[in-house]
N, C-alpha and C. Protein backbone atom coordinates (compact mmCIF):
# COMPACT_ATOMS: atom_id res chain seq x y z
N MET A 1 16.37 26.60 20.72
CA MET A 1 16.44 25.69 19.32
C MET A 1 18.12 25.73 18.57
N ALA A 2 18.08 24.83 18.21
CA ALA A 2 19.37 24.17 17.90
C ALA A 2 20.21 24.78 16.50
N VAL A 3 21.37 25.49 16.74
CA VAL A 3 21.66 26.07 15.56
C VAL A 3 23.12 25.61 15.48
N PRO A 4 23.74 25.31 14.21
CA PRO A 4 24.85 24.69 13.71
C PRO A 4 25.76 25.75 14.45
N LYS A 5 27.12 25.16 14.90
CA LYS A 5 27.90 25.92 15.48
C LYS A 5 29.19 26.78 14.03
N ARG A 6 29.30 25.56 13.43
CA ARG A 6 30.20 26.12 12.36
C ARG A 6 29.25 25.76 10.83
N LYS A 7 29.74 26.36 9.43
CA LYS A 7 29.41 25.72 8.38
C LYS A 7 29.41 24.28 7.85
N LEU A 8 28.57 24.01 7.03
CA LEU A 8 29.15 22.82 6.72
C LEU A 8 29.92 22.72 5.44
N SER A 9 30.56 22.18 5.45
CA SER A 9 31.65 22.10 4.17
C SER A 9 31.17 21.85 2.85
N ARG A 10 31.84 22.25 1.62
CA ARG A 10 31.11 21.78 0.65
C ARG A 10 30.65 20.39 0.14
N SER A 11 31.65 19.44 0.39
CA SER A 11 31.96 18.30 0.10
C SER A 11 30.96 17.36 1.04
N ASN A 12 30.80 17.81 2.52
CA ASN A 12 29.99 17.28 2.79
C ASN A 12 28.57 17.71 2.87
N THR A 13 28.05 18.70 2.05
CA THR A 13 26.81 18.57 1.36
C THR A 13 26.78 17.91 0.31
N ARG A 14 27.31 18.36 -0.33
CA ARG A 14 27.36 17.29 -1.68
C ARG A 14 27.04 15.77 -1.57
N HIS A 15 28.14 15.32 -0.41
CA HIS A 15 28.00 14.22 -0.08
C HIS A 15 26.85 13.38 0.29
N ARG A 16 26.11 14.75 1.19
CA ARG A 16 24.87 14.12 1.74
C ARG A 16 23.70 14.06 0.55
N ARG A 17 23.68 15.43 -0.30
CA ARG A 17 22.95 15.07 -1.40
C ARG A 17 22.76 14.02 -2.62
N ALA A 18 24.14 13.71 -2.66
CA ALA A 18 24.16 12.23 -3.43
C ALA A 18 23.55 11.23 -3.44
N GLN A 19 22.62 10.82 -2.10
CA GLN A 19 22.02 9.81 -1.69
C GLN A 19 20.48 10.09 -2.09
N TRP A 20 20.14 11.12 -2.73
CA TRP A 20 18.85 11.68 -3.37
C TRP A 20 18.64 11.34 -4.44
N LYS A 21 18.22 10.26 -4.69
CA LYS A 21 18.10 9.14 -6.37
C LYS A 21 16.94 9.69 -6.55
N ALA A 22 16.49 9.73 -8.11
CA ALA A 22 15.61 9.44 -8.84
C ALA A 22 15.03 7.97 -8.91
N THR A 23 13.97 7.27 -8.69
CA THR A 23 13.52 6.21 -8.70
C THR A 23 12.22 6.07 -9.79
N LEU A 24 12.44 4.74 -10.57
CA LEU A 24 11.71 4.83 -11.89
C LEU A 24 10.17 4.13 -11.24
N PRO A 25 8.95 5.01 -11.88
CA PRO A 25 7.80 4.59 -11.75
C PRO A 25 7.54 2.95 -11.33
N HIS A 26 6.86 2.37 -11.07
CA HIS A 26 6.02 1.34 -10.95
C HIS A 26 5.10 1.01 -11.86
N LEU A 27 5.49 0.08 -12.91
CA LEU A 27 4.55 0.03 -14.05
C LEU A 27 3.74 -1.01 -13.91
N SER A 28 2.23 -1.09 -14.49
CA SER A 28 1.73 -2.26 -14.57
C SER A 28 1.30 -2.06 -15.97
N PRO A 29 0.58 -3.74 -16.34
CA PRO A 29 0.15 -3.52 -17.83
C PRO A 29 -1.46 -3.11 -17.92
N CYS A 30 -2.02 -2.50 -18.54
CA CYS A 30 -3.32 -2.22 -18.87
C CYS A 30 -3.92 -3.61 -18.96
N PRO A 31 -5.61 -3.67 -18.41
CA PRO A 31 -6.12 -4.82 -19.13
C PRO A 31 -6.71 -4.90 -20.58
N CYS A 32 -6.47 -3.56 -20.53
CA CYS A 32 -7.08 -3.79 -22.42
C CYS A 32 -5.83 -4.56 -23.46
N PRO A 33 -6.49 -4.87 -24.52
CA PRO A 33 -5.73 -5.99 -25.40
C PRO A 33 -4.61 -5.22 -25.69
N ARG A 34 -4.31 -4.27 -25.98
CA ARG A 34 -2.90 -3.84 -25.97
C ARG A 34 -1.69 -3.51 -24.88
N LYS A 35 -2.41 -4.13 -23.61
CA LYS A 35 -1.35 -3.97 -22.50
C LYS A 35 -0.38 -2.75 -22.83
N GLU A 36 -0.76 -1.87 -22.56
CA GLU A 36 -0.04 -0.80 -22.55
C GLU A 36 0.34 -0.31 -20.92
N MET A 37 1.41 -0.21 -20.72
CA MET A 37 2.23 -0.14 -19.21
C MET A 37 1.77 1.26 -18.64
N VAL A 38 0.91 0.81 -17.38
CA VAL A 38 0.45 1.99 -16.71
C VAL A 38 0.79 2.37 -15.43
N VAL A 39 0.84 3.29 -14.60
CA VAL A 39 1.29 3.78 -13.36
C VAL A 39 0.26 3.12 -12.45
N PRO A 40 0.29 2.24 -11.75
CA PRO A 40 -0.71 2.01 -10.98
C PRO A 40 -1.69 2.71 -10.07
N HIS A 41 -3.28 2.80 -9.89
CA HIS A 41 -3.97 3.49 -9.37
C HIS A 41 -4.12 5.06 -10.13
N ARG A 42 -3.93 4.65 -11.47
CA ARG A 42 -4.33 6.11 -12.47
C ARG A 42 -4.98 5.39 -13.77
N ALA A 43 -5.98 5.93 -14.03
CA ALA A 43 -6.41 5.68 -15.61
C ALA A 43 -5.82 5.47 -16.52
N CYS A 44 -6.07 4.21 -17.80
CA CYS A 44 -4.66 4.23 -18.63
C CYS A 44 -5.30 6.14 -19.65
N THR A 45 -4.00 5.89 -20.01
CA THR A 45 -4.09 7.19 -20.79
C THR A 45 -4.69 6.97 -22.22
N HIS A 46 -4.16 5.48 -22.56
CA HIS A 46 -4.60 5.16 -23.85
C HIS A 46 -6.14 5.24 -24.27
N CYS A 47 -6.49 3.95 -23.33
CA CYS A 47 -8.24 3.32 -23.44
C CYS A 47 -8.68 4.26 -22.34
N GLY A 48 -8.37 5.04 -20.92
CA GLY A 48 -9.35 5.16 -20.45
C GLY A 48 -10.04 4.55 -19.13
N VAL A 49 -9.45 3.13 -19.33
CA VAL A 49 -10.00 2.31 -18.38
C VAL A 49 -9.51 2.59 -16.66
N TYR A 50 -10.05 2.25 -16.06
CA TYR A 50 -9.63 2.25 -14.47
C TYR A 50 -10.58 1.10 -13.55
N LYS A 51 -9.70 0.00 -13.16
CA LYS A 51 -10.06 -1.40 -12.39
C LYS A 51 -11.51 -1.85 -13.07
N GLY A 52 -11.24 -1.90 -14.39
CA GLY A 52 -12.13 -2.49 -15.67
C GLY A 52 -13.47 -1.78 -15.79
N ARG A 53 -13.52 -0.69 -15.69
CA ARG A 53 -14.60 0.25 -16.10
C ARG A 53 -14.08 1.41 -16.94
N GLN A 54 -14.78 1.94 -18.00
CA GLN A 54 -14.47 3.55 -18.53
C GLN A 54 -14.68 4.34 -17.48
N VAL A 55 -13.95 5.04 -16.99
CA VAL A 55 -13.67 6.20 -16.27
C VAL A 55 -13.58 7.53 -17.68
N VAL A 56 -12.82 7.57 -18.22
CA VAL A 56 -12.38 8.97 -19.31
C VAL A 56 -13.06 8.61 -20.90
N ASP A 57 -13.35 9.79 -21.44
CA ASP A 57 -13.88 9.77 -22.55
C ASP A 57 -13.24 9.92 -23.74
N GLN A 58 -12.52 8.85 -24.35
CA GLN A 58 -11.41 8.77 -25.53
C GLN A 58 -11.83 9.06 -26.84
N PRO A 59 -11.27 10.13 -27.53
CA PRO A 59 -11.78 10.72 -29.01
C PRO A 59 -11.64 9.73 -29.70
């Protein structure tokens, strides 16, 4: 099994971790009249519609 010969320095570790970036989720408009922005392949949190049909009962 491969084992590192020496400890990595802090700067090398931080330099590698600097590439981990959070990305914004891709959003698309809901087909309802309000055009709420929704994450794809999820039911709309406002109206409960997914793929053109009502899947979640809204109060």
